[in-house]
């Protein structure tokens, strides 16, 4: 299975779990949007990865769009976390660990986005 598809399954499952473990289930009542967007991203990645493995004609394009959506979310979050850590103004417990996890997620996003784009482009030709 291709990297971006496997990553779609793995990240799609882990994303809601990691976000809930990081903030707690009660955070839904505090910042609904923050939690919801990660759950939506996870669902989109799972749908795209599933559709691609099932050889649905729309699967690779859907997976590309899912990675693009998640890359947008991760980019702003990653750069903010990096800035807070470099400036030493982060108030979150385990800030360095969070930055490490976000770095891995961001690199996975960008790599998967590029690979998904290349796959869609190769299918056009």
Protein backbone atom coordinates (compact mmCIF):
# COMPACT_ATOMS: atom_id res chain seq x y z
CA UNK A 1 0.00 0.00 0.00
CA UNK A 2 1.27 3.48 -0.82
CA UNK A 3 2.61 5.73 1.94
CA UNK A 4 -0.11 8.38 1.65
CA UNK A 5 -2.85 5.75 1.86
CA UNK A 6 -1.35 3.98 4.87
CA UNK A 7 -0.73 7.35 6.50
CA UNK A 8 -4.35 8.28 5.78
CA UNK A 9 -5.56 5.30 7.79
CA UNK A 10 -3.05 5.78 10.61
CA UNK A 11 -3.41 9.55 10.97
CA UNK A 12 -7.16 9.38 10.40
CA UNK A 13 -7.49 7.04 13.38
CA UNK A 14 -4.86 8.66 15.60
CA UNK A 15 -5.82 12.29 15.09
CA UNK A 16 -9.06 12.27 17.11
CA UNK A 17 -7.46 10.03 19.74
CA UNK A 18 -4.39 12.26 20.15
CA UNK A 19 -6.45 15.45 20.27
CA UNK A 20 -8.81 13.99 22.87
CA UNK A 21 -5.89 12.64 24.94
CA UNK A 22 -4.13 16.00 24.75
CA UNK A 23 -7.07 18.23 25.68
CA UNK A 24 -9.54 15.86 27.33
CA UNK A 25 -13.10 14.99 26.36
CA UNK A 26 -14.38 18.01 28.30
CA UNK A 27 -12.65 20.32 25.83
CA UNK A 28 -15.59 19.80 23.47
CA UNK A 29 -17.55 22.16 25.73
CA UNK A 30 -14.70 24.71 25.87
CA UNK A 31 -13.58 24.88 22.23
CA UNK A 32 -15.92 22.83 20.07
CA UNK A 33 -14.36 24.02 16.79
CA UNK A 34 -10.83 22.98 17.76
CA UNK A 35 -11.95 19.46 18.51
CA UNK A 36 -14.44 19.20 15.65
CA UNK A 37 -11.97 20.18 12.92
CA UNK A 38 -9.56 17.42 13.97
CA UNK A 39 -12.35 14.84 13.99
CA UNK A 40 -13.47 16.03 10.53
CA UNK A 41 -9.89 15.79 9.23
CA UNK A 42 -9.61 12.26 10.62
CA UNK A 43 -12.88 11.23 8.99
CA UNK A 44 -11.89 12.73 5.62
CA UNK A 45 -8.54 10.91 5.69
CA UNK A 46 -10.22 7.62 6.55
CA UNK A 47 -12.78 8.01 3.77
CA UNK A 48 -10.11 8.96 1.24
CA UNK A 49 -7.81 6.08 2.23
CA UNK A 50 -10.71 3.61 2.20
CA UNK A 51 -11.94 4.81 -1.21
CA UNK A 52 -8.43 4.58 -2.64
CA UNK A 53 -7.90 1.01 -1.40
CA UNK A 54 -11.30 0.06 -2.83
CA UNK A 55 -10.27 1.47 -6.22
CA UNK A 56 -13.08 4.00 -6.28
CA UNK A 57 -12.50 6.42 -9.17
CA UNK A 58 -12.86 9.40 -6.82
CA UNK A 59 -10.66 7.91 -4.08
CA UNK A 60 -7.25 9.40 -4.95
CA UNK A 61 -8.74 12.85 -5.55
CA UNK A 62 -10.69 12.69 -2.30
CA UNK A 63 -7.54 11.61 -0.45
CA UNK A 64 -5.64 14.53 -2.02
CA UNK A 65 -8.32 16.94 -0.82
CA UNK A 66 -8.29 15.37 2.66
CA UNK A 67 -4.52 15.78 2.89
CA UNK A 68 -4.80 19.36 1.65
CA UNK A 69 -7.43 20.14 4.30
CA UNK A 70 -5.39 18.55 7.07
CA UNK A 71 -2.15 20.15 5.86
CA UNK A 72 -3.80 23.57 6.18
CA UNK A 73 -4.90 22.79 9.73
CA UNK A 74 -1.53 21.31 10.70
CA UNK A 75 0.56 24.08 9.16
CA UNK A 76 -0.90 26.88 11.23
CA UNK A 77 -0.88 24.72 14.36
CA UNK A 78 2.70 23.54 13.80
CA UNK A 79 4.14 27.00 13.10
CA UNK A 80 2.33 28.47 16.12
CA UNK A 81 3.66 25.70 18.38
CA UNK A 82 7.17 26.15 17.00
CA UNK A 83 7.07 29.91 17.58
CA UNK A 84 5.78 29.49 21.14
CA UNK A 85 8.52 26.98 21.90
CA UNK A 86 11.32 29.08 20.38
CA UNK A 87 10.15 32.19 22.24
CA UNK A 88 9.74 30.14 25.39
CA UNK A 89 6.23 31.49 25.88
CA UNK A 90 4.41 28.16 25.66
CA UNK A 91 2.07 27.62 28.60
CA UNK A 92 0.98 24.13 27.60
CA UNK A 93 2.37 21.27 29.68
CA UNK A 94 4.76 19.03 27.71
CA UNK A 95 5.15 21.71 25.05
CA UNK A 96 8.29 20.14 23.62
CA UNK A 97 6.59 16.74 23.30
CA UNK A 98 3.60 18.37 21.59
CA UNK A 99 5.99 20.13 19.19
CA UNK A 100 7.66 16.81 18.38
CA UNK A 101 4.35 15.09 17.63
CA UNK A 102 3.15 18.06 15.56
CA UNK A 103 6.44 18.04 13.64
CA UNK A 104 5.95 14.38 12.71
CA UNK A 105 2.31 14.99 11.77
CA UNK A 106 3.20 18.05 9.70
CA UNK A 107 5.96 16.21 7.82
CA UNK A 108 3.59 13.31 7.20
CA UNK A 109 0.94 15.73 5.93
CA UNK A 110 3.22 17.52 3.51
CA UNK A 111 4.77 14.28 2.23
CA UNK A 112 1.36 12.65 1.80
CA UNK A 113 -0.02 15.76 0.11
CA UNK A 114 2.80 15.74 -2.45
CA UNK A 115 2.49 11.99 -3.05
CA UNK A 116 -1.30 12.24 -3.41
CA UNK A 117 -0.91 15.08 -5.89
CA UNK A 118 1.58 13.07 -7.93
CA UNK A 119 -0.77 10.08 -7.95
CA UNK A 120 -3.72 12.14 -9.17
CA UNK A 121 -1.56 13.82 -11.82
CA UNK A 122 -0.26 10.45 -13.09
CA UNK A 123 -3.82 9.15 -13.42
CA UNK A 124 -4.77 12.14 -15.58
CA UNK A 125 -2.08 11.39 -18.16
